[in-house]
Amino acid sequence: MIRWDAGDSYAVVFSTRVGGVSEGRFASLNLGRLTGDEVDRVDENRRRLCDEVGGGLDRLALNRQIHSDRVLRAVPGGRGNPGDGLWTDEPDLPILAFAADCLPIALVRSDAAAPAVAVVHAGWRGLLDGVVAAGVSALDTTRTSGLRACVGPAIGPCCYEVGSEVAEPFAAAFGRDVVQGRKLDLRVSADRALRANGVAEIEHVDLCTACNPERFFSHRRTGKPRGVQGVIARVARDSVV
């Protein structure tokens, strides 16, 4: 587990593939039921992840991710709603976003008097469509409370080759330098999207999922079937006044 110190009001963890009960191509902390893994093993892996942030599996909320710009308010135990982000200001409600090369992003309000957190799955489609802006807007509709962000492990420009149909709109949206030859830098693109939407304090877990087969699942490296890691977050109950 890779823990982000987002302050006393929050528990935020980026998972790796290590520390679970799944086997074979899903070894070992696979979080995705739709990967082909055994459901009981996935549920145990999710329970272990919930334990890391102090939340219960029965309250865990997650989306059916579709590479969109939809960021939804979390409902305890919510499953299957199409979207690529969740947010909550409700204490003890763990929220989870999956990733297996795409960027897992956590956002928190800086204002400890009104804590709220969001988790976002940002692939190239989501970044271009504005999923980062949607995540920011969900937590800070007035743009006055201030946000902090952490961008988790994802595929790096060392391993991420794209065609011109992806490279050209990224260069137009985020700057020519995010594309070097056929290599695309999703991390720098997300950083610029966050800053353009008013997030000044941004941290990064600068690890490439494709380069680290012992630590992370990677779609580009192995294709399907394969597992997923993710980012899980919770607002602490004792932080809410």
C-alpha atoms as a PDB file:
ATOM      1  CA  MET A   1       0.000   0.000   0.000  1.00  0.00           C
ATOM      2  CA  ILE A   2       1.127   3.548  -0.719  1.00  0.00           C
ATOM      3  CA  ARG A   3      -0.389   5.999   1.755  1.00  0.00           C
ATOM      4  CA  TRP A   4      -0.888   9.691   0.985  1.00  0.00           C
ATOM      5  CA  ASP A   5      -0.707  11.943   4.020  1.00  0.00           C
ATOM      6  CA  ALA A   6      -3.654  14.172   3.170  1.00  0.00           C
ATOM      7  CA  GLY A   7      -4.137  15.368   6.757  1.00  0.00           C
ATOM      8  CA  ASP A   8      -5.938  14.174   9.874  1.00  0.00           C
ATOM      9  CA  SER A   9      -9.341  14.498   8.209  1.00  0.00           C
ATOM     10  CA  TYR A  10      -8.619  11.813   5.611  1.00  0.00           C
ATOM     11  CA  ALA A  11      -7.311   8.318   4.969  1.00  0.00           C
ATOM     12  CA  VAL A  12      -6.091   7.861   1.381  1.00  0.00           C
ATOM     13  CA  VAL A  13      -4.261   4.802   0.026  1.00  0.00           C
ATOM     14  CA  PHE A  14      -3.045   3.790  -3.433  1.00  0.00           C
ATOM     15  CA  SER A  15      -2.945   0.013  -3.684  1.00  0.00           C
ATOM     16  CA  THR A  16      -0.379  -2.163  -5.430  1.00  0.00           C
ATOM     17  CA  ARG A  17      -0.881  -5.734  -6.627  1.00  0.00           C
ATOM     18  CA  VAL A  18       0.786  -7.059  -3.449  1.00  0.00           C
ATOM     19  CA  GLY A  19      -0.906  -8.314  -0.283  1.00  0.00           C
ATOM     20  CA  GLY A  20      -4.037 -10.116  -1.477  1.00  0.00           C
ATOM     21  CA  VAL A  21      -5.359 -13.633  -1.976  1.00  0.00           C
ATOM     22  CA  SER A  22      -5.843 -13.857  -5.756  1.00  0.00           C
ATOM     23  CA  GLU A  23      -3.687 -16.191  -7.838  1.00  0.00           C
ATOM     24  CA  GLY A  24      -2.134 -16.532 -11.272  1.00  0.00           C
ATOM     25  CA  ARG A  25      -2.512 -13.495 -13.536  1.00  0.00           C
ATOM     26  CA  PHE A  26      -4.547 -11.836 -10.766  1.00  0.00           C
ATOM     27  CA  ALA A  27      -1.933 -12.283  -8.043  1.00  0.00           C
ATOM     28  CA  SER A  28      -2.457 -11.040  -5.565  1.00  0.00           C
ATOM     29  CA  LEU A  29      -4.435  -7.893  -4.567  1.00  0.00           C
ATOM     30  CA  ASN A  30      -6.762  -7.719  -7.572  1.00  0.00           C
ATOM     31  CA  LEU A  31      -9.706  -5.388  -6.869  1.00  0.00           C
ATOM     32  CA  GLY A  32     -11.800  -5.989  -9.998  1.00  0.00           C
ATOM     33  CA  ARG A  33     -14.681  -8.472 -10.167  1.00  0.00           C
ATOM     34  CA  LEU A  34     -15.087  -8.095 -13.933  1.00  0.00           C
ATOM     35  CA  THR A  35     -11.554  -9.264 -14.659  1.00  0.00           C
ATOM     36  CA  GLY A  36     -12.346 -12.988 -14.541  1.00  0.00           C
ATOM     37  CA  ASP A  37     -11.009 -13.491 -11.032  1.00  0.00           C
ATOM     38  CA  GLU A  38     -12.968 -15.431  -8.397  1.00  0.00           C
ATOM     39  CA  VAL A  39     -15.521 -13.182  -6.692  1.00  0.00           C
ATOM     40  CA  ASP A  40     -14.765 -14.409  -3.165  1.00  0.00           C
ATOM     41  CA  ARG A  41     -11.099 -13.593  -3.594  1.00  0.00           C
ATOM     42  CA  VAL A  42     -11.839 -10.130  -4.970  1.00  0.00           C
ATOM     43  CA  ASP A  43     -14.149  -9.415  -2.038  1.00  0.00           C
ATOM     44  CA  GLU A  44     -11.431 -10.446   0.414  1.00  0.00           C
ATOM     45  CA  ASN A  45      -8.949  -8.191  -1.379  1.00  0.00           C
ATOM     46  CA  ARG A  46     -11.387  -5.282  -1.180  1.00  0.00           C
ATOM     47  CA  ARG A  47     -11.971  -5.979   2.507  1.00  0.00           C
ATOM     48  CA  ARG A  48      -8.226  -5.790   3.134  1.00  0.00           C
ATOM     49  CA  LEU A  49      -8.035  -2.507   1.269  1.00  0.00           C
ATOM     50  CA  CYS A  50     -10.959  -1.091   3.249  1.00  0.00           C
ATOM     51  CA  ASP A  51      -9.145  -2.067   6.445  1.00  0.00           C
ATOM     52  CA  GLU A  52      -6.230   0.128   5.361  1.00  0.00           C
ATOM     53  CA  VAL A  53      -8.421   3.241   5.485  1.00  0.00           C
ATOM     54  CA  GLY A  54     -10.637   2.135   8.357  1.00  0.00           C
ATOM     55  CA  GLY A  55     -13.843   1.636   6.372  1.00  0.00           C
ATOM     56  CA  GLY A  56     -16.228  -1.280   6.086  1.00  0.00           C
ATOM     57  CA  LEU A  57     -16.624  -3.356   2.927  1.00  0.00           C
ATOM     58  CA  ASP A  58     -20.422  -3.144   3.222  1.00  0.00           C
ATOM     59  CA  ARG A  59     -20.229   0.660   2.800  1.00  0.00           C
ATOM     60  CA  LEU A  60     -17.626   0.686   0.022  1.00  0.00           C
ATOM     61  CA  ALA A  61     -18.749   2.674  -3.039  1.00  0.00           C
ATOM     62  CA  LEU A  62     -17.385   2.227  -6.557  1.00  0.00           C
ATOM     63  CA  ASN A  63     -18.353   2.951 -10.159  1.00  0.00           C
ATOM     64  CA  ARG A  64     -18.655   0.962 -13.352  1.00  0.00           C
ATOM     65  CA  GLN A  65     -15.866   2.854 -15.078  1.00  0.00           C
ATOM     66  CA  ILE A  66     -16.465   3.933 -18.684  1.00  0.00           C
ATOM     67  CA  HIS A  67     -13.642   6.414 -19.502  1.00  0.00           C
ATOM     68  CA  SER A  68     -15.911   9.422 -19.079  1.00  0.00           C
ATOM     69  CA  ASP A  69     -15.999  12.772 -17.278  1.00  0.00           C
ATOM     70  CA  ARG A  70     -18.722  11.670 -14.813  1.00  0.00           C
ATOM     71  CA  VAL A  71     -17.946  12.206 -11.120  1.00  0.00           C
ATOM     72  CA  LEU A  72     -20.818  11.102  -8.883  1.00  0.00           C
ATOM     73  CA  ARG A  73     -21.712  11.605  -5.256  1.00  0.00           C
ATOM     74  CA  ALA A  74     -21.032   8.329  -3.465  1.00  0.00           C
ATOM     75  CA  VAL A  75     -23.822   6.260  -1.935  1.00  0.00           C
ATOM     76  CA  PRO A  76     -22.921   3.770   0.821  1.00  0.00           C
ATOM     77  CA  GLY A  77     -22.553   0.351  -0.760  1.00  0.00           C
ATOM     78  CA  GLY A  78     -23.140   1.816  -4.231  1.00  0.00           C
ATOM     79  CA  ARG A  79     -22.135  -0.373  -7.179  1.00  0.00           C
ATOM     80  CA  GLY A  80     -22.454  -0.307 -10.939  1.00  0.00           C
ATOM     81  CA  ASN A  81     -23.351   3.315 -11.678  1.00  0.00           C
ATOM     82  CA  PRO A  82     -21.480   4.385 -14.817  1.00  0.00           C
ATOM     83  CA  GLY A  83     -18.829   6.999 -14.115  1.00  0.00           C
ATOM     84  CA  ASP A  84     -15.153   7.585 -13.480  1.00  0.00           C
ATOM     85  CA  GLY A  85     -15.084   9.391 -10.178  1.00  0.00           C
ATOM     86  CA  LEU A  86     -16.762   9.489  -6.797  1.00  0.00           C
ATOM     87  CA  TRP A  87     -16.842  12.098  -4.081  1.00  0.00           C
ATOM     88  CA  THR A  88     -18.173  12.293  -0.543  1.00  0.00           C
ATOM     89  CA  ASP A  89     -18.265  14.500   2.527  1.00  0.00           C
ATOM     90  CA  GLU A  90     -19.884  11.712   4.543  1.00  0.00           C
ATOM     91  CA  PRO A  91     -17.635  10.248   7.238  1.00  0.00           C
ATOM     92  CA  ASP A  92     -16.667   6.579   7.188  1.00  0.00           C
ATOM     93  CA  LEU A  93     -17.781   6.066   3.581  1.00  0.00           C
ATOM     94  CA  PRO A  94     -14.860   4.518   1.660  1.00  0.00           C
ATOM     95  CA  ILE A  95     -14.758   5.306  -2.065  1.00  0.00           C
ATOM     96  CA  LEU A  96     -12.678   3.437  -4.645  1.00  0.00           C
ATOM     97  CA  ALA A  97     -11.473   4.084  -8.195  1.00  0.00           C
ATOM     98  CA  PHE A  98      -9.706   1.382 -10.224  1.00  0.00           C
ATOM     99  CA  ALA A  99      -6.684   1.715 -12.503  1.00  0.00           C
ATOM    100  CA  ALA A 100      -4.346  -0.532 -14.488  1.00  0.00           C
ATOM    101  CA  ASP A 101      -2.207   2.080 -16.335  1.00  0.00           C
ATOM    102  CA  CYS A 102      -4.661   4.997 -16.183  1.00  0.00           C
ATOM    103  CA  LEU A 103      -4.126   7.651 -13.517  1.00  0.00           C
ATOM    104  CA  PRO A 104      -5.733   7.168 -10.096  1.00  0.00           C
ATOM    105  CA  ILE A 105      -6.180  10.637  -8.583  1.00  0.00           C
ATOM    106  CA  ALA A 106      -7.241  11.638  -5.065  1.00  0.00           C
ATOM    107  CA  LEU A 107      -8.571  15.119  -4.262  1.00  0.00           C
ATOM    108  CA  VAL A 108      -9.309  16.586  -0.821  1.00  0.00           C
ATOM    109  CA  ARG A 109     -10.599  19.871   0.501  1.00  0.00           C
ATOM    110  CA  SER A 110      -7.938  21.856   2.323  1.00  0.00           C
ATOM    111  CA  ASP A 111     -10.552  23.251   4.707  1.00  0.00           C
ATOM    112  CA  ALA A 112     -10.543  20.898   7.703  1.00  0.00           C
ATOM    113  CA  ALA A 113     -13.836  22.388   8.911  1.00  0.00           C
ATOM    114  CA  ALA A 114     -15.666  20.997   5.859  1.00  0.00           C
ATOM    115  CA  PRO A 115     -13.776  17.864   4.764  1.00  0.00           C
ATOM    116  CA  ALA A 116     -14.610  16.120   1.493  1.00  0.00           C
ATOM    117  CA  VAL A 117     -12.700  13.750  -0.751  1.00  0.00           C
ATOM    118  CA  ALA A 118     -12.887  12.504  -4.337  1.00  0.00           C
ATOM    119  CA  VAL A 119     -11.238   9.660  -6.241  1.00  0.00           C
ATOM    120  CA  VAL A 120     -10.913   9.802 -10.014  1.00  0.00           C
ATOM    121  CA  HIS A 121      -9.959   7.341 -12.768  1.00  0.00           C
ATOM    122  CA  ALA A 122      -8.293   9.349 -15.546  1.00  0.00           C
ATOM    123  CA  GLY A 123      -7.249   7.721 -18.797  1.00  0.00           C
ATOM    124  CA  TRP A 124      -6.546   9.602 -21.989  1.00  0.00           C
ATOM    125  CA  ARG A 125     -10.231   9.853 -22.906  1.00  0.00           C
ATOM    126  CA  GLY A 126     -11.208  11.085 -19.463  1.00  0.00           C
ATOM    127  CA  LEU A 127      -8.426  13.674 -19.382  1.00  0.00           C
ATOM    128  CA  LEU A 128      -9.466  15.081 -22.743  1.00  0.00           C
ATOM    129  CA  ASP A 129     -13.153  15.053 -21.795  1.00  0.00           C
ATOM    130  CA  GLY A 130     -12.561  16.912 -18.518  1.00  0.00           C
ATOM    131  CA  VAL A 131     -12.780  14.344 -15.718  1.00  0.00           C
ATOM    132  CA  VAL A 132     -10.236  16.334 -13.685  1.00  0.00           C
ATOM    133  CA  ALA A 133     -12.356  19.478 -13.931  1.00  0.00           C
ATOM    134  CA  ALA A 134     -15.420  17.449 -12.921  1.00  0.00           C
ATOM    135  CA  GLY A 135     -13.626  16.109  -9.852  1.00  0.00           C
ATOM    136  CA  VAL A 136     -12.548  19.596  -8.813  1.00  0.00           C
ATOM    137  CA  SER A 137     -16.042  20.999  -9.337  1.00  0.00           C
ATOM    138  CA  ALA A 138     -17.605  18.236  -7.268  1.00  0.00           C
ATOM    139  CA  LEU A 139     -15.587  19.279  -4.210  1.00  0.00           C
ATOM    140  CA  ASP A 140     -15.343  23.009  -4.782  1.00  0.00           C
ATOM    141  CA  THR A 141     -18.311  24.413  -6.662  1.00  0.00           C
ATOM    142  CA  THR A 142     -17.462  27.964  -5.589  1.00  0.00           C
ATOM    143  CA  ARG A 143     -13.707  27.595  -6.152  1.00  0.00           C
ATOM    144  CA  THR A 144     -13.092  29.170  -2.727  1.00  0.00           C
ATOM    145  CA  SER A 145     -12.276  26.310  -0.345  1.00  0.00           C
ATOM    146  CA  GLY A 146      -9.008  25.180  -1.950  1.00  0.00           C
ATOM    147  CA  LEU A 147      -8.040  21.635  -2.873  1.00  0.00           C
ATOM    148  CA  ARG A 148      -5.048  19.330  -2.655  1.00  0.00           C
ATOM    149  CA  ALA A 149      -4.376  16.400  -4.994  1.00  0.00           C
ATOM    150  CA  CYS A 150      -2.228  13.325  -5.302  1.00  0.00           C
ATOM    151  CA  VAL A 151      -1.707  11.492  -8.610  1.00  0.00           C
ATOM    152  CA  GLY A 152      -0.934   7.820  -8.104  1.00  0.00           C
ATOM    153  CA  PRO A 153       1.016   5.149  -9.989  1.00  0.00           C
ATOM    154  CA  ALA A 154       0.252   4.966 -13.719  1.00  0.00           C
ATOM    155  CA  ILE A 155       1.892   4.182 -17.015  1.00  0.00           C
ATOM    156  CA  GLY A 156       4.773   6.549 -17.712  1.00  0.00           C
ATOM    157  CA  PRO A 157       5.949   8.191 -20.925  1.00  0.00           C
ATOM    158  CA  CYS A 158       8.682   5.546 -21.002  1.00  0.00           C
ATOM    159  CA  CYS A 159       6.056   2.945 -21.943  1.00  0.00           C
ATOM    160  CA  TYR A 160       3.003   4.765 -23.290  1.00  0.00           C
ATOM    161  CA  GLU A 161       2.954   4.964 -27.075  1.00  0.00           C
ATOM    162  CA  VAL A 162      -0.041   6.510 -28.830  1.00  0.00           C
ATOM    163  CA  GLY A 163      -1.121   7.363 -32.351  1.00  0.00           C
ATOM    164  CA  SER A 164      -1.648  10.803 -33.829  1.00  0.00           C
ATOM    165  CA  GLU A 165      -5.378  10.621 -33.076  1.00  0.00           C
ATOM    166  CA  VAL A 166      -4.466  10.809 -29.369  1.00  0.00           C
ATOM    167  CA  ALA A 167      -1.201  12.766 -29.529  1.00  0.00           C
ATOM    168  CA  GLU A 168      -2.573  15.730 -31.468  1.00  0.00           C
ATOM    169  CA  PRO A 169      -5.507  16.588 -29.162  1.00  0.00           C
ATOM    170  CA  PHE A 170      -3.243  16.167 -26.123  1.00  0.00           C
ATOM    171  CA  ALA A 171      -0.668  18.529 -27.564  1.00  0.00           C
ATOM    172  CA  ALA A 172      -3.418  21.055 -28.249  1.00  0.00           C
ATOM    173  CA  ALA A 173      -4.953  20.713 -24.785  1.00  0.00           C
ATOM    174  CA  PHE A 174      -1.877  20.394 -22.559  1.00  0.00           C
ATOM    175  CA  GLY A 175       1.141  21.577 -24.560  1.00  0.00           C
ATOM    176  CA  ARG A 176       3.350  20.192 -27.312  1.00  0.00           C
ATOM    177  CA  ASP A 177       5.884  18.889 -24.791  1.00  0.00           C
ATOM    178  CA  VAL A 178       3.523  16.256 -23.338  1.00  0.00           C
ATOM    179  CA  VAL A 179       4.159  14.282 -26.535  1.00  0.00           C
ATOM    180  CA  GLN A 180       7.687  13.202 -27.446  1.00  0.00           C
ATOM    181  CA  GLY A 181       7.644  11.254 -30.681  1.00  0.00           C
ATOM    182  CA  ARG A 182       4.990   8.592 -30.061  1.00  0.00           C
ATOM    183  CA  LYS A 183       5.292   8.759 -26.255  1.00  0.00           C
ATOM    184  CA  LEU A 184       2.582  10.523 -24.221  1.00  0.00           C
ATOM    185  CA  ASP A 185       3.045  11.852 -20.686  1.00  0.00           C
ATOM    186  CA  LEU A 186      -0.296  11.372 -18.927  1.00  0.00           C
ATOM    187  CA  ARG A 187       1.125  12.535 -15.589  1.00  0.00           C
ATOM    188  CA  VAL A 188       2.233  15.960 -16.801  1.00  0.00           C
ATOM    189  CA  SER A 189      -1.080  16.325 -18.645  1.00  0.00           C
ATOM    190  CA  ALA A 190      -3.030  15.605 -15.458  1.00  0.00           C
ATOM    191  CA  ASP A 191      -0.839  17.990 -13.459  1.00  0.00           C
ATOM    192  CA  ARG A 192      -1.607  20.772 -15.910  1.00  0.00           C
ATOM    193  CA  ALA A 193      -5.307  19.942 -15.871  1.00  0.00           C
ATOM    194  CA  LEU A 194      -5.328  20.135 -12.073  1.00  0.00           C
ATOM    195  CA  ARG A 195      -3.467  23.453 -12.024  1.00  0.00           C
ATOM    196  CA  ALA A 196      -5.712  24.896 -14.726  1.00  0.00           C
ATOM    197  CA  ASN A 197      -8.650  24.104 -12.456  1.00  0.00           C
ATOM    198  CA  GLY A 198      -7.154  25.851  -9.446  1.00  0.00           C
ATOM    199  CA  VAL A 199      -5.384  23.006  -7.621  1.00  0.00           C
ATOM    200  CA  ALA A 200      -2.000  24.401  -6.597  1.00  0.00           C
ATOM    201  CA  GLU A 201      -0.818  21.710  -4.177  1.00  0.00           C
ATOM    202  CA  ILE A 202      -0.208  18.477  -6.113  1.00  0.00           C
ATOM    203  CA  GLU A 203       1.815  15.435  -5.118  1.00  0.00           C
ATOM    204  CA  HIS A 204       2.782  12.497  -7.321  1.00  0.00           C
ATOM    205  CA  VAL A 205       3.576   8.828  -6.795  1.00  0.00           C
ATOM    206  CA  ASP A 206       5.920   8.729  -9.773  1.00  0.00           C
ATOM    207  CA  LEU A 207       5.966   5.001 -10.504  1.00  0.00           C
ATOM    208  CA  CYS A 208       5.280   3.423 -13.905  1.00  0.00           C
ATOM    209  CA  THR A 209       2.813   0.555 -13.754  1.00  0.00           C
ATOM    210  CA  ALA A 210       4.157  -1.002 -16.966  1.00  0.00           C
ATOM    211  CA  CYS A 211       7.783  -0.936 -15.735  1.00  0.00           C
ATOM    212  CA  ASN A 212       7.045  -2.592 -12.390  1.00  0.00           C
ATOM    213  CA  PRO A 213       5.429  -6.013 -12.966  1.00  0.00           C
ATOM    214  CA  GLU A 214       6.057  -7.163  -9.381  1.00  0.00           C
ATOM    215  CA  ARG A 215       4.215  -4.160  -7.929  1.00  0.00           C
ATOM    216  CA  PHE A 216       1.453  -3.240 -10.375  1.00  0.00           C
ATOM    217  CA  PHE A 217      -1.030  -4.598 -12.884  1.00  0.00           C
ATOM    218  CA  SER A 218      -0.674  -3.096 -16.368  1.00  0.00           C
ATOM    219  CA  HIS A 219      -3.023  -3.408 -19.321  1.00  0.00           C
ATOM    220  CA  ARG A 220      -0.375  -2.285 -21.804  1.00  0.00           C
ATOM    221  CA  ARG A 221       2.112  -4.824 -20.486  1.00  0.00           C
ATOM    222  CA  THR A 222      -0.065  -7.934 -20.256  1.00  0.00           C
ATOM    223  CA  GLY A 223      -3.450  -7.256 -21.857  1.00  0.00           C
ATOM    224  CA  LYS A 224      -6.436  -9.202 -20.534  1.00  0.00           C
ATOM    225  CA  PRO A 225      -7.136 -11.036 -18.334  1.00  0.00           C
ATOM    226  CA  ARG A 226      -5.358  -9.008 -15.668  1.00  0.00           C
ATOM    227  CA  GLY A 227      -6.122  -7.443 -12.334  1.00  0.00           C
ATOM    228  CA  VAL A 228      -6.556  -3.830 -11.270  1.00  0.00           C
ATOM    229  CA  GLN A 229      -5.224  -1.719  -8.440  1.00  0.00           C
ATOM    230  CA  GLY A 230      -6.722   1.578  -7.361  1.00  0.00           C
ATOM    231  CA  VAL A 231      -7.092   4.459  -4.952  1.00  0.00           C
ATOM    232  CA  ILE A 232      -9.344   4.297  -1.897  1.00  0.00           C
ATOM    233  CA  ALA A 233     -10.233   7.198   0.384  1.00  0.00           C
ATOM    234  CA  ARG A 234     -12.350   7.989   3.441  1.00  0.00           C
ATOM    235  CA  VAL A 235     -13.336  11.062   5.437  1.00  0.00           C
ATOM    236  CA  ALA A 236     -12.560  10.347   9.085  1.00  0.00           C
ATOM    237  CA  ARG A 237     -15.593  10.436  11.394  1.00  0.00           C
ATOM    238  CA  ASP A 238     -13.837  12.380  14.144  1.00  0.00           C
ATOM    239  CA  SER A 239     -12.907  15.106  11.623  1.00  0.00           C
ATOM    240  CA  VAL A 240     -16.527  16.159  11.044  1.00  0.00           C
ATOM    241  CA  VAL A 241     -17.763  18.843  13.410  1.00  0.00           C
END
